C-alpha atoms as a PDB file:
ATOM      1  CA  MET A   1     117.388  -9.288 217.251  1.00  0.00           C
ATOM      2  CA  LYS A   2     119.125  -9.815 220.583  1.00  0.00           C
ATOM      3  CA  LEU A   3     115.761 -10.483 222.261  1.00  0.00           C
ATOM      4  CA  ALA A   4     114.848 -13.093 219.638  1.00  0.00           C
ATOM      5  CA  ARG A   5     118.201 -14.784 220.132  1.00  0.00           C
ATOM      6  CA  LYS A   6     117.696 -14.871 223.909  1.00  0.00           C
ATOM      7  CA  ILE A   7     114.238 -16.406 223.445  1.00  0.00           C
ATOM      8  CA  CYS A   8     115.689 -19.113 221.174  1.00  0.00           C
ATOM      9  CA  VAL A   9     118.375 -19.910 223.720  1.00  0.00           C
ATOM     10  CA  LEU A  10     115.788 -20.145 226.516  1.00  0.00           C
ATOM     11  CA  LEU A  11     113.575 -22.407 224.422  1.00  0.00           C
ATOM     12  CA  LEU A  12     116.482 -24.683 223.626  1.00  0.00           C
ATOM     13  CA  PHE A  13     117.466 -24.753 227.305  1.00  0.00           C
ATOM     14  CA  ALA A  14     113.910 -25.598 228.360  1.00  0.00           C
ATOM     15  CA  SER A  15     113.536 -28.329 225.746  1.00  0.00           C
ATOM     16  CA  PHE A  16     116.795 -29.903 226.927  1.00  0.00           C
ATOM     17  CA  PHE A  17     115.507 -30.278 230.501  1.00  0.00           C
ATOM     18  CA  TYR A  18     111.876 -30.998 229.685  1.00  0.00           C
ATOM     19  CA  CYS A  19     111.007 -34.677 229.590  1.00  0.00           C
ATOM     20  CA  GLU A  20     107.650 -35.933 228.422  1.00  0.00           C
ATOM     21  CA  SER A  21     105.604 -37.764 231.029  1.00  0.00           C
ATOM     22  CA  LYS A  22     102.223 -39.458 230.861  1.00  0.00           C
ATOM     23  CA  ILE A  23     100.149 -41.808 232.997  1.00  0.00           C
ATOM     24  CA  ILE A  24      97.463 -44.126 231.693  1.00  0.00           C
ATOM     25  CA  SER A  25      95.010 -46.406 233.473  1.00  0.00           C
ATOM     26  CA  THR A  26      93.943 -49.640 231.772  1.00  0.00           C
ATOM     27  CA  ASP A  27      92.997 -53.258 232.319  1.00  0.00           C
ATOM     28  CA  LYS A  28      93.809 -54.199 228.709  1.00  0.00           C
ATOM     29  CA  ILE A  29      97.111 -55.849 227.873  1.00  0.00           C
ATOM     30  CA  ASP A  30      96.886 -54.488 224.302  1.00  0.00           C
ATOM     31  CA  ASP A  31      97.223 -50.913 225.606  1.00  0.00           C
ATOM     32  CA  ILE A  32     100.417 -51.872 227.407  1.00  0.00           C
ATOM     33  CA  GLU A  33     101.784 -53.738 224.389  1.00  0.00           C
ATOM     34  CA  ALA A  34     101.285 -50.561 222.330  1.00  0.00           C
ATOM     35  CA  GLU A  35     103.574 -48.706 224.750  1.00  0.00           C
ATOM     36  CA  PHE A  36     106.123 -51.523 224.571  1.00  0.00           C
ATOM     37  CA  ALA A  37     106.249 -51.115 220.789  1.00  0.00           C
ATOM     38  CA  GLN A  38     107.894 -47.709 221.342  1.00  0.00           C
ATOM     39  CA  ALA A  39     110.620 -49.093 223.626  1.00  0.00           C
ATOM     40  CA  ASP A  40     114.228 -49.392 222.474  1.00  0.00           C
ATOM     41  CA  ASN A  41     117.591 -50.298 223.998  1.00  0.00           C
ATOM     42  CA  GLU A  42     117.636 -46.982 225.888  1.00  0.00           C
ATOM     43  CA  THR A  43     114.333 -47.799 227.598  1.00  0.00           C
ATOM     44  CA  LEU A  44     113.836 -49.416 230.992  1.00  0.00           C
ATOM     45  CA  VAL A  45     110.580 -51.342 231.404  1.00  0.00           C
ATOM     46  CA  ALA A  46     109.776 -52.079 235.056  1.00  0.00           C
ATOM     47  CA  PHE A  47     106.968 -54.241 236.445  1.00  0.00           C
ATOM     48  CA  ASP A  48     105.304 -54.622 239.802  1.00  0.00           C
ATOM     49  CA  CYS A  49     104.641 -58.256 240.722  1.00  0.00           C
ATOM     50  CA  ASP A  50     101.494 -58.970 242.769  1.00  0.00           C
ATOM     51  CA  ALA A  51      98.237 -57.888 241.099  1.00  0.00           C
ATOM     52  CA  VAL A  52     100.209 -57.080 237.926  1.00  0.00           C
ATOM     53  CA  LEU A  53     102.199 -60.093 236.745  1.00  0.00           C
ATOM     54  CA  VAL A  54     100.655 -62.651 239.091  1.00  0.00           C
ATOM     55  CA  GLU A  55      97.654 -63.111 241.340  1.00  0.00           C
ATOM     56  CA  PHE A  56      96.808 -65.687 243.995  1.00  0.00           C
ATOM     57  CA  CYS A  57      94.786 -68.640 242.697  1.00  0.00           C
ATOM     58  CA  ASP A  58      92.427 -68.936 245.671  1.00  0.00           C
ATOM     59  CA  ASN A  59      89.370 -66.705 245.503  1.00  0.00           C
ATOM     60  CA  ILE A  60      89.672 -65.404 249.078  1.00  0.00           C
ATOM     61  CA  LEU A  61      93.215 -64.135 248.353  1.00  0.00           C
ATOM     62  CA  LYS A  62      92.398 -62.307 245.126  1.00  0.00           C
ATOM     63  CA  HIS A  63      92.578 -58.535 245.148  1.00  0.00           C
ATOM     64  CA  PRO A  64      88.846 -57.678 245.561  1.00  0.00           C
ATOM     65  CA  ASN A  65      88.363 -60.268 248.335  1.00  0.00           C
ATOM     66  CA  ARG A  66      91.397 -59.647 250.528  1.00  0.00           C
ATOM     67  CA  LYS A  67      90.836 -58.641 254.144  1.00  0.00           C
ATOM     68  CA  LYS A  68      87.340 -60.143 254.216  1.00  0.00           C
ATOM     69  CA  ILE A  69      88.802 -62.679 256.641  1.00  0.00           C
ATOM     70  CA  LEU A  70      91.560 -61.865 259.143  1.00  0.00           C
ATOM     71  CA  ILE A  71      94.082 -64.369 260.479  1.00  0.00           C
ATOM     72  CA  SER A  72      93.780 -62.691 263.868  1.00  0.00           C
ATOM     73  CA  ASP A  73      90.173 -63.935 264.140  1.00  0.00           C
ATOM     74  CA  TYR A  74      91.466 -67.516 264.288  1.00  0.00           C
ATOM     75  CA  ILE A  75      94.261 -66.984 266.821  1.00  0.00           C
ATOM     76  CA  LYS A  76      92.966 -67.603 270.348  1.00  0.00           C
ATOM     77  CA  GLU A  77      95.935 -68.882 272.357  1.00  0.00           C
ATOM     78  CA  SER A  78      98.115 -65.750 272.440  1.00  0.00           C
ATOM     79  CA  LYS A  79      98.708 -64.492 275.968  1.00  0.00           C
ATOM     80  CA  THR A  80     100.049 -61.048 275.048  1.00  0.00           C
ATOM     81  CA  GLU A  81      99.663 -58.586 272.197  1.00  0.00           C
ATOM     82  CA  LYS A  82     103.322 -59.156 271.249  1.00  0.00           C
ATOM     83  CA  SER A  83     102.901 -62.923 271.027  1.00  0.00           C
ATOM     84  CA  LYS A  84      99.755 -62.460 268.946  1.00  0.00           C
ATOM     85  CA  LYS A  85     101.619 -60.218 266.486  1.00  0.00           C
ATOM     86  CA  GLU A  86     104.370 -62.833 266.227  1.00  0.00           C
ATOM     87  CA  GLU A  87     101.788 -65.540 265.526  1.00  0.00           C
ATOM     88  CA  ILE A  88     100.147 -63.421 262.842  1.00  0.00           C
ATOM     89  CA  VAL A  89     103.537 -62.948 261.142  1.00  0.00           C
ATOM     90  CA  PHE A  90     104.135 -66.699 261.405  1.00  0.00           C
ATOM     91  CA  TYR A  91     100.836 -67.672 259.774  1.00  0.00           C
ATOM     92  CA  LYS A  92     101.027 -64.923 257.145  1.00  0.00           C
ATOM     93  CA  SER A  93     104.467 -66.243 256.204  1.00  0.00           C
ATOM     94  CA  ILE A  94     103.054 -69.740 255.728  1.00  0.00           C
ATOM     95  CA  LEU A  95     100.244 -68.379 253.580  1.00  0.00           C
ATOM     96  CA  TRP A  96     102.620 -66.221 251.498  1.00  0.00           C
ATOM     97  CA  ASN A  97     104.972 -69.174 251.026  1.00  0.00           C
ATOM     98  CA  ASP A  98     102.403 -71.909 250.333  1.00  0.00           C
ATOM     99  CA  ALA A  99      99.585 -70.224 248.404  1.00  0.00           C
ATOM    100  CA  LYS A 100      99.767 -70.810 244.652  1.00  0.00           C
ATOM    101  CA  ARG A 101      99.842 -67.981 242.128  1.00  0.00           C
ATOM    102  CA  GLU A 102      98.733 -67.679 238.523  1.00  0.00           C
ATOM    103  CA  LEU A 103      99.495 -65.220 235.736  1.00  0.00           C
ATOM    104  CA  LEU A 104      97.133 -62.264 235.621  1.00  0.00           C
ATOM    105  CA  SER A 105      97.629 -62.297 231.854  1.00  0.00           C
ATOM    106  CA  LYS A 106      99.014 -65.229 229.897  1.00  0.00           C
ATOM    107  CA  GLU A 107     100.675 -62.700 227.590  1.00  0.00           C
ATOM    108  CA  TRP A 108     103.218 -61.468 230.135  1.00  0.00           C
ATOM    109  CA  PRO A 109     105.988 -64.075 229.530  1.00  0.00           C
ATOM    110  CA  ARG A 110     105.821 -63.541 225.759  1.00  0.00           C
ATOM    111  CA  LEU A 111     105.822 -59.745 226.011  1.00  0.00           C
ATOM    112  CA  ILE A 112     108.774 -59.715 228.414  1.00  0.00           C
ATOM    113  CA  MET A 113     110.788 -62.113 226.246  1.00  0.00           C
ATOM    114  CA  VAL A 114     110.091 -59.961 223.162  1.00  0.00           C
ATOM    115  CA  LEU A 115     111.346 -56.868 224.987  1.00  0.00           C
ATOM    116  CA  GLN A 116     114.485 -58.685 226.107  1.00  0.00           C
ATOM    117  CA  SER A 117     115.137 -60.017 222.590  1.00  0.00           C
ATOM    118  CA  ARG A 118     115.056 -56.413 221.321  1.00  0.00           C
ATOM    119  CA  GLY A 119     117.649 -55.333 223.878  1.00  0.00           C
ATOM    120  CA  VAL A 120     115.161 -53.520 226.123  1.00  0.00           C
ATOM    121  CA  LYS A 121     116.120 -53.710 229.794  1.00  0.00           C
ATOM    122  CA  THR A 122     113.369 -55.242 231.942  1.00  0.00           C
ATOM    123  CA  LEU A 123     113.196 -55.023 235.727  1.00  0.00           C
ATOM    124  CA  LEU A 124     110.960 -56.237 238.510  1.00  0.00           C
ATOM    125  CA  LEU A 125     110.258 -53.259 240.773  1.00  0.00           C
ATOM    126  CA  SER A 126     108.254 -54.736 243.623  1.00  0.00           C
ATOM    127  CA  ALA A 127     107.813 -53.920 247.296  1.00  0.00           C
ATOM    128  CA  CYS A 128     107.891 -57.543 248.469  1.00  0.00           C
ATOM    129  CA  GLY A 129     107.608 -55.955 251.897  1.00  0.00           C
ATOM    130  CA  GLY A 130     106.013 -56.966 255.134  1.00  0.00           C
ATOM    131  CA  VAL A 131     107.709 -58.894 257.901  1.00  0.00           C
ATOM    132  CA  LYS A 132     108.280 -62.576 257.083  1.00  0.00           C
ATOM    133  CA  ASP A 133     109.216 -65.288 259.572  1.00  0.00           C
ATOM    134  CA  PRO A 134     112.756 -66.383 258.560  1.00  0.00           C
ATOM    135  CA  LYS A 135     111.982 -69.956 259.646  1.00  0.00           C
ATOM    136  CA  ILE A 136     109.303 -70.091 256.935  1.00  0.00           C
ATOM    137  CA  VAL A 137     110.602 -67.705 254.269  1.00  0.00           C
ATOM    138  CA  LYS A 138     114.409 -67.676 254.270  1.00  0.00           C
ATOM    139  CA  SER A 139     114.685 -65.326 251.287  1.00  0.00           C
ATOM    140  CA  THR A 140     111.806 -63.358 249.770  1.00  0.00           C
ATOM    141  CA  SER A 141     113.910 -62.518 246.708  1.00  0.00           C
ATOM    142  CA  GLU A 142     114.752 -66.183 246.077  1.00  0.00           C
ATOM    143  CA  HIS A 143     111.106 -67.172 246.583  1.00  0.00           C
ATOM    144  CA  ARG A 144     109.954 -64.510 244.108  1.00  0.00           C
ATOM    145  CA  TYR A 145     112.600 -65.429 241.530  1.00  0.00           C
ATOM    146  CA  LYS A 146     111.705 -69.147 241.606  1.00  0.00           C
ATOM    147  CA  MET A 147     107.984 -68.379 241.448  1.00  0.00           C
ATOM    148  CA  LEU A 148     108.321 -66.153 238.367  1.00  0.00           C
ATOM    149  CA  SER A 149     110.714 -68.613 236.708  1.00  0.00           C
ATOM    150  CA  LYS A 150     107.986 -71.257 236.772  1.00  0.00           C
ATOM    151  CA  PHE A 151     105.949 -68.964 234.523  1.00  0.00           C
ATOM    152  CA  GLY A 152     108.863 -68.403 232.142  1.00  0.00           C
ATOM    153  CA  ILE A 153     109.696 -64.915 233.444  1.00  0.00           C
ATOM    154  CA  ASP A 154     113.360 -64.205 234.170  1.00  0.00           C
ATOM    155  CA  PHE A 155     114.433 -60.598 234.665  1.00  0.00           C
ATOM    156  CA  LYS A 156     118.015 -61.690 235.317  1.00  0.00           C
ATOM    157  CA  LYS A 157     118.444 -62.011 231.530  1.00  0.00           C
ATOM    158  CA  SER A 158     118.527 -58.212 231.304  1.00  0.00           C
ATOM    159  CA  TRP A 159     121.277 -57.917 233.932  1.00  0.00           C
ATOM    160  CA  PRO A 160     123.540 -60.983 233.512  1.00  0.00           C
ATOM    161  CA  THR A 161     126.688 -59.273 234.845  1.00  0.00           C
ATOM    162  CA  LEU A 162     125.143 -57.126 237.569  1.00  0.00           C
ATOM    163  CA  ASN A 163     125.800 -58.461 241.054  1.00  0.00           C
ATOM    164  CA  LYS A 164     123.591 -58.312 244.117  1.00  0.00           C
ATOM    165  CA  ILE A 165     123.183 -54.823 245.591  1.00  0.00           C
ATOM    166  CA  ILE A 166     122.017 -54.180 249.157  1.00  0.00           C
ATOM    167  CA  PHE A 167     121.066 -50.574 249.844  1.00  0.00           C
ATOM    168  CA  SER A 168     122.488 -50.519 253.370  1.00  0.00           C
ATOM    169  CA  ASN A 169     122.719 -46.726 253.545  1.00  0.00           C
ATOM    170  CA  PHE A 170     119.310 -46.095 252.057  1.00  0.00           C
ATOM    171  CA  THR A 171     117.682 -43.640 254.439  1.00  0.00           C
ATOM    172  CA  GLY A 172     114.168 -44.302 253.165  1.00  0.00           C
ATOM    173  CA  ALA A 173     114.230 -47.946 254.150  1.00  0.00           C
ATOM    174  CA  ASN A 174     113.619 -47.417 257.897  1.00  0.00           C
ATOM    175  CA  ALA A 175     114.962 -50.921 258.400  1.00  0.00           C
ATOM    176  CA  ARG A 176     116.831 -52.517 261.271  1.00  0.00           C
ATOM    177  CA  GLN A 177     117.901 -55.759 259.627  1.00  0.00           C
ATOM    178  CA  GLU A 178     119.445 -56.588 256.264  1.00  0.00           C
ATOM    179  CA  LYS A 179     116.370 -58.559 255.198  1.00  0.00           C
ATOM    180  CA  ASP A 180     114.303 -55.364 255.522  1.00  0.00           C
ATOM    181  CA  LEU A 181     116.593 -53.246 253.320  1.00  0.00           C
ATOM    182  CA  PRO A 182     115.937 -52.579 249.627  1.00  0.00           C
ATOM    183  CA  ILE A 183     117.842 -55.049 247.476  1.00  0.00           C
ATOM    184  CA  PHE A 184     118.635 -55.747 243.827  1.00  0.00           C
ATOM    185  CA  GLU A 185     119.140 -59.396 242.925  1.00  0.00           C
ATOM    186  CA  ASN A 186     118.508 -61.515 239.820  1.00  0.00           C
ATOM    187  CA  GLY A 187     116.967 -58.620 237.898  1.00  0.00           C
ATOM    188  CA  MET A 188     114.599 -57.774 240.746  1.00  0.00           C
ATOM    189  CA  LEU A 189     114.641 -54.481 242.638  1.00  0.00           C
ATOM    190  CA  LEU A 190     112.744 -55.062 245.889  1.00  0.00           C
ATOM    191  CA  SER A 191     111.934 -51.794 247.648  1.00  0.00           C
ATOM    192  CA  ARG A 192     110.658 -53.465 250.858  1.00  0.00           C
ATOM    193  CA  ASN A 193     108.867 -50.721 252.838  1.00  0.00           C
ATOM    194  CA  ALA A 194     110.543 -47.803 251.067  1.00  0.00           C
ATOM    195  CA  ALA A 195     109.056 -45.709 248.251  1.00  0.00           C
ATOM    196  CA  LYS A 196     109.648 -47.321 244.863  1.00  0.00           C
ATOM    197  CA  GLY A 197     110.623 -44.044 243.229  1.00  0.00           C
ATOM    198  CA  ASP A 198     113.324 -43.342 245.822  1.00  0.00           C
ATOM    199  CA  VAL A 199     114.706 -46.874 245.533  1.00  0.00           C
ATOM    200  CA  LEU A 200     114.805 -46.617 241.730  1.00  0.00           C
ATOM    201  CA  LYS A 201     116.825 -43.399 241.982  1.00  0.00           C
ATOM    202  CA  ALA A 202     119.211 -45.095 244.413  1.00  0.00           C
ATOM    203  CA  PHE A 203     119.513 -48.025 241.984  1.00  0.00           C
ATOM    204  CA  PHE A 204     120.406 -45.725 239.093  1.00  0.00           C
ATOM    205  CA  ALA A 205     123.088 -44.107 241.245  1.00  0.00           C
ATOM    206  CA  LYS A 206     124.646 -47.563 241.691  1.00  0.00           C
ATOM    207  CA  ILE A 207     124.687 -48.366 237.959  1.00  0.00           C
ATOM    208  CA  PRO A 208     126.198 -45.323 236.181  1.00  0.00           C
ATOM    209  CA  GLN A 209     127.269 -47.612 233.331  1.00  0.00           C
ATOM    210  CA  TYR A 210     123.620 -47.864 232.245  1.00  0.00           C
ATOM    211  CA  LYS A 211     121.972 -44.834 230.633  1.00  0.00           C
ATOM    212  CA  PHE A 212     118.232 -44.616 229.998  1.00  0.00           C
ATOM    213  CA  LYS A 213     116.234 -42.028 228.091  1.00  0.00           C
ATOM    214  CA  LYS A 214     112.833 -43.508 228.930  1.00  0.00           C
ATOM    215  CA  ILE A 215     111.131 -45.481 231.708  1.00  0.00           C
ATOM    216  CA  ILE A 216     107.911 -47.469 231.370  1.00  0.00           C
ATOM    217  CA  PHE A 217     106.512 -48.672 234.703  1.00  0.00           C
ATOM    218  CA  ILE A 218     103.466 -50.891 235.283  1.00  0.00           C
ATOM    219  CA  ASP A 219     101.896 -51.083 238.756  1.00  0.00           C
ATOM    220  CA  ASN A 220      98.406 -51.690 240.135  1.00  0.00           C
ATOM    221  CA  SER A 221      98.787 -48.713 242.505  1.00  0.00           C
ATOM    222  CA  LEU A 222      98.342 -45.241 241.029  1.00  0.00           C
ATOM    223  CA  ASN A 223     100.311 -43.805 243.951  1.00  0.00           C
ATOM    224  CA  ASN A 224     103.330 -45.966 243.072  1.00  0.00           C
ATOM    225  CA  VAL A 225     103.019 -45.009 239.403  1.00  0.00           C
ATOM    226  CA  GLU A 226     103.042 -41.324 240.349  1.00  0.00           C
ATOM    227  CA  LEU A 227     105.994 -41.692 242.751  1.00  0.00           C
ATOM    228  CA  VAL A 228     108.122 -43.426 240.109  1.00  0.00           C
ATOM    229  CA  GLY A 229     107.043 -40.713 237.669  1.00  0.00           C
ATOM    230  CA  LYS A 230     108.382 -38.072 240.056  1.00  0.00           C
ATOM    231  CA  ALA A 231     111.677 -39.967 240.271  1.00  0.00           C
ATOM    232  CA  ALA A 232     111.888 -40.070 236.462  1.00  0.00           C
ATOM    233  CA  LYS A 233     111.292 -36.312 236.345  1.00  0.00           C
ATOM    234  CA  ASP A 234     114.047 -35.742 238.917  1.00  0.00           C
ATOM    235  CA  LEU A 235     116.370 -37.847 236.770  1.00  0.00           C
ATOM    236  CA  GLY A 236     115.394 -36.022 233.579  1.00  0.00           C
ATOM    237  CA  ILE A 237     114.047 -39.180 231.935  1.00  0.00           C
ATOM    238  CA  GLU A 238     110.939 -39.523 229.749  1.00  0.00           C
ATOM    239  CA  TYR A 239     108.238 -41.491 231.560  1.00  0.00           C
ATOM    240  CA  VAL A 240     105.186 -43.609 230.813  1.00  0.00           C
ATOM    241  CA  GLY A 241     103.350 -44.831 233.901  1.00  0.00           C
ATOM    242  CA  VAL A 242     100.669 -47.499 233.624  1.00  0.00           C
ATOM    243  CA  GLU A 243      98.125 -48.147 236.361  1.00  0.00           C
ATOM    244  CA  TYR A 244      97.162 -51.732 235.490  1.00  0.00           C
ATOM    245  CA  THR A 245      93.679 -52.347 236.908  1.00  0.00           C
ATOM    246  CA  ARG A 246      93.075 -55.902 235.758  1.00  0.00           C
ATOM    247  CA  ALA A 247      93.199 -57.298 239.322  1.00  0.00           C
ATOM    248  CA  LYS A 248      90.353 -54.949 240.293  1.00  0.00           C
ATOM    249  CA  THR A 249      88.159 -55.368 237.209  1.00  0.00           C
ATOM    250  CA  GLN A 250      88.457 -59.121 236.656  1.00  0.00           C
ATOM    251  CA  LYS A 251      85.224 -61.078 236.966  1.00  0.00           C
ATOM    252  CA  LEU A 252      85.413 -63.554 239.834  1.00  0.00           C
ATOM    253  CA  PRO A 253      83.082 -66.370 240.861  1.00  0.00           C
ATOM    254  CA  PRO A 254      80.995 -65.748 243.993  1.00  0.00           C
ATOM    255  CA  LEU A 255      83.086 -66.036 247.135  1.00  0.00           C
ATOM    256  CA  ASN A 256      82.280 -69.120 249.190  1.00  0.00           C
ATOM    257  CA  MET A 257      82.820 -67.773 252.716  1.00  0.00           C
ATOM    258  CA  LYS A 258      82.288 -71.181 254.310  1.00  0.00           C
ATOM    259  CA  LYS A 259      85.097 -72.646 252.223  1.00  0.00           C
ATOM    260  CA  ALA A 260      87.325 -69.599 252.829  1.00  0.00           C
ATOM    261  CA  LYS A 261      86.882 -69.822 256.609  1.00  0.00           C
ATOM    262  CA  LYS A 262      87.777 -73.508 256.431  1.00  0.00           C
ATOM    263  CA  GLN A 263      91.055 -72.602 254.707  1.00  0.00           C
ATOM    264  CA  PHE A 264      92.012 -70.259 257.565  1.00  0.00           C
ATOM    265  CA  GLU A 265      91.013 -72.844 260.150  1.00  0.00           C
ATOM    266  CA  VAL A 266      93.362 -75.372 258.514  1.00  0.00           C
ATOM    267  CA  LEU A 267      96.116 -72.734 258.304  1.00  0.00           C
ATOM    268  CA  VAL A 268      96.080 -72.150 262.078  1.00  0.00           C
ATOM    269  CA  ARG A 269      95.373 -75.738 263.105  1.00  0.00           C
ATOM    270  CA  GLU A 270      97.790 -77.541 260.762  1.00  0.00           C
ATOM    271  CA  ARG A 271     100.249 -74.729 259.958  1.00  0.00           C
ATOM    272  CA  ARG A 272      99.857 -75.016 256.206  1.00  0.00           C
ATOM    273  CA  TRP A 273      97.750 -73.261 253.572  1.00  0.00           C
ATOM    274  CA  PRO A 274      95.245 -75.573 251.826  1.00  0.00           C
ATOM    275  CA  SER A 275      93.929 -74.711 248.379  1.00  0.00           C
ATOM    276  CA  GLU A 276      90.202 -74.058 248.057  1.00  0.00           C
ATOM    277  CA  ASN A 277      89.944 -77.227 245.939  1.00  0.00           C
ATOM    278  CA  GLU A 278      91.321 -79.248 248.848  1.00  0.00           C
ATOM    279  CA  VAL A 279      88.853 -77.984 251.419  1.00  0.00           C
END
């Protein structure tokens, strides 16, 4: 009798600390919507940005075609390796700032608004990393917020009273300047070069007034999905991770390398990014 009672106590103890976790991989928005149907006001739904919510319009910048052309191939005037690196940052910043994006699925704005209308907290959890030239991109968070707003996506609606948070003491950031530190602003948690799971845990520590029993996270990187899943486990929160593969599986027109090279030539010569329609 005593043994049976001990077993019951152990089972109850284990069930209290056990949190269900699952990871799925899909390129279908319907599969993700099915997970959203289970979300309530104690659920946090977090989204990556690039290759999940949005994708570059130009063919050469789309996920399967990236890195087929390097900016460094078009820089010939740099005298030192340091000056060449600075030029690459400069031109990458122009490209990142100028190149137009499009929704990877037209359903995203509707799905996010439905979640928000049901009281489900939504969050952008994006790296938005990489060094940007401050003369070109003054604020990556402001740029990202304005870009998403044009598509009718506004994560700030889930956090109307939550002020800007800079994670200045975040040891995982490995950053020297404020612009390189993880930041929360306008409903967007930008991890910069730190692990998304670690930044999410740090974010939760800053907002004890919010309690969540479940996290749903959508990212195009399985590694990021797994890292956030580990953070959810550490926090004792149920987790659904979605590796969204649409950016990899989408059917693209043949890449016109002649046109793509022309775009990079204009970028370096005129210091602006031309669309493929222009060239």
